[in-house]
Protein backbone atom coordinates (compact mmCIF):
# COMPACT_ATOMS: atom_id res chain seq x y z
CA MET A 1 131.90 89.36 88.45
CA ASN A 2 128.73 88.94 87.07
CA ASN A 3 126.98 90.46 90.43
CA ILE A 4 128.68 93.64 89.60
CA TYR A 5 126.61 93.93 86.51
CA PHE A 6 122.91 93.37 88.73
CA ILE A 7 124.29 95.87 91.39
CA ILE A 8 124.77 98.24 88.90
CA ILE A 9 121.81 97.65 87.11
CA SER A 10 119.60 98.03 90.28
CA VAL A 11 121.81 101.57 91.31
CA LEU A 12 120.82 102.94 87.74
CA CYS A 13 116.87 101.64 88.05
CA ILE A 14 116.55 103.23 91.75
CA ILE A 15 118.38 106.56 90.18
CA TYR A 16 116.14 106.35 87.17
CA VAL A 17 112.95 106.23 89.29
CA SER A 18 114.12 108.76 91.88
CA LEU A 19 114.65 111.31 89.05
CA GLU A 20 111.17 110.60 87.34
CA VAL A 21 109.83 111.70 90.75
CA ARG A 22 111.54 114.54 90.92
CA LYS A 23 110.50 115.33 87.63
CA LYS A 24 107.08 114.89 88.91
CA LYS A 25 106.44 112.22 85.91
CA PHE A 26 105.82 109.72 88.54
CA SER A 27 103.90 109.55 91.97
CA ILE A 28 105.77 108.77 94.79
CA LYS A 29 103.20 106.63 96.15
CA GLU A 30 103.42 104.50 93.22
CA SER A 31 107.27 104.66 92.99
CA PHE A 32 107.12 103.39 96.55
CA TRP A 33 106.76 99.72 95.52
CA TRP A 34 109.12 100.12 92.35
CA MET A 35 111.80 101.17 94.81
CA MET A 36 111.37 98.73 97.24
CA ALA A 37 111.88 95.81 94.42
CA PHE A 38 114.97 97.39 93.16
CA ILE A 39 116.40 97.51 96.97
CA LEU A 40 115.04 94.04 96.80
CA MET A 41 117.22 93.30 93.49
CA LEU A 42 120.31 95.27 95.02
CA PHE A 43 120.01 93.06 98.57
CA LEU A 44 119.92 89.62 95.87
CA SER A 45 122.68 91.18 94.11
CA ILE A 46 125.22 91.84 96.68
CA PHE A 47 124.28 88.58 98.89
CA PRO A 48 123.31 86.26 96.13
CA TYR A 49 122.96 83.55 98.20
CA SER A 50 120.24 84.65 100.69
CA ILE A 51 117.99 83.37 98.10
CA ASN A 52 118.87 80.17 98.77
CA TRP A 53 118.16 80.66 102.63
CA LEU A 54 114.86 81.40 102.01
CA ALA A 55 114.53 78.64 99.69
CA LYS A 56 115.16 76.58 102.61
CA VAL A 57 112.77 78.38 104.56
CA PHE A 58 109.81 78.01 102.70
CA GLY A 59 110.84 74.49 101.90
CA ILE A 60 111.44 75.23 98.13
CA ALA A 61 113.83 72.36 96.57
CA TYR A 62 115.11 75.09 93.74
CA PRO A 63 116.02 78.12 94.88
CA PRO A 64 115.18 80.40 91.32
CA SER A 65 111.96 79.11 91.25
CA LEU A 66 111.15 81.28 94.82
CA LEU A 67 112.41 84.33 92.97
CA PHE A 68 110.12 83.62 89.56
CA VAL A 69 107.27 83.34 92.57
CA PHE A 70 108.29 86.55 94.01
CA CYS A 71 108.51 88.06 90.83
CA ILE A 72 105.14 87.12 89.58
CA ILE A 73 103.41 88.04 93.14
CA PHE A 74 104.81 91.31 92.85
CA LEU A 75 103.61 91.82 89.05
CA VAL A 76 100.20 90.77 90.08
CA PHE A 77 100.37 92.96 92.77
CA ILE A 78 100.83 96.19 90.68
CA ASN A 79 98.60 94.61 88.11
CA PHE A 80 95.58 94.88 90.67
CA ARG A 81 96.83 98.29 91.82
CA ASN A 82 96.72 99.42 88.36
CA SER A 83 93.23 98.15 87.68
CA LYS A 84 91.56 99.15 90.95
CA LYS A 85 93.16 102.80 90.10
CA ILE A 86 91.47 102.43 86.34
CA ALA A 87 87.82 101.44 87.88
CA GLU A 88 88.47 104.52 89.87
CA GLN A 89 89.12 106.99 87.28
CA GLN A 90 86.30 105.47 84.58
CA GLU A 91 84.07 106.26 87.49
CA LYS A 92 85.17 109.76 87.76
CA ILE A 93 84.66 110.26 84.32
CA ILE A 94 81.74 109.34 84.04
CA GLU A 95 80.36 111.31 86.58
CA LEU A 96 82.69 114.61 85.12
CA ALA A 97 80.44 113.99 81.58
CA GLN A 98 77.13 113.83 83.37
CA GLN A 99 78.21 117.06 85.12
CA VAL A 100 79.59 118.57 81.81
CA THR A 101 75.99 117.71 79.79
CA LEU A 102 74.28 119.08 82.81
CA LEU A 103 76.25 122.75 82.43
CA LYS A 104 75.67 122.56 78.98
CA SER A 105 72.01 122.09 79.30
CA LYS A 106 72.40 125.13 81.51
CA VAL A 107 73.94 127.37 79.65
CA LYS A 108 71.73 126.36 76.55
CA ASN A 109 68.40 127.36 78.37
CA GLU A 110 69.73 130.28 79.78
CA LYS A 111 70.55 131.89 76.28
CA LYS A 112 66.94 131.23 75.19
């Protein structure tokens, strides 16, 4: 019975992300990893004992800890990607500010 709730939550999350992409509030590139996470969540909701099998494959004694490790790795990956994009955007902002300053000084000199 609990699996049905997790299946519903997974499907709702997939629908939400796809609607945000359709409204152009979320890029397709960014939504890819979130969709993969929600599909994995749906898979684990349908087949809850697959995490036990994966834990045995990796040699982990307590299967829920494997799930937490996967979540932590996923969130660190997303955080790293976002930090990288922020750094790139900051460089572009600095370059644009410099170009605007140069254009303002050109306009000011032409008025004289």
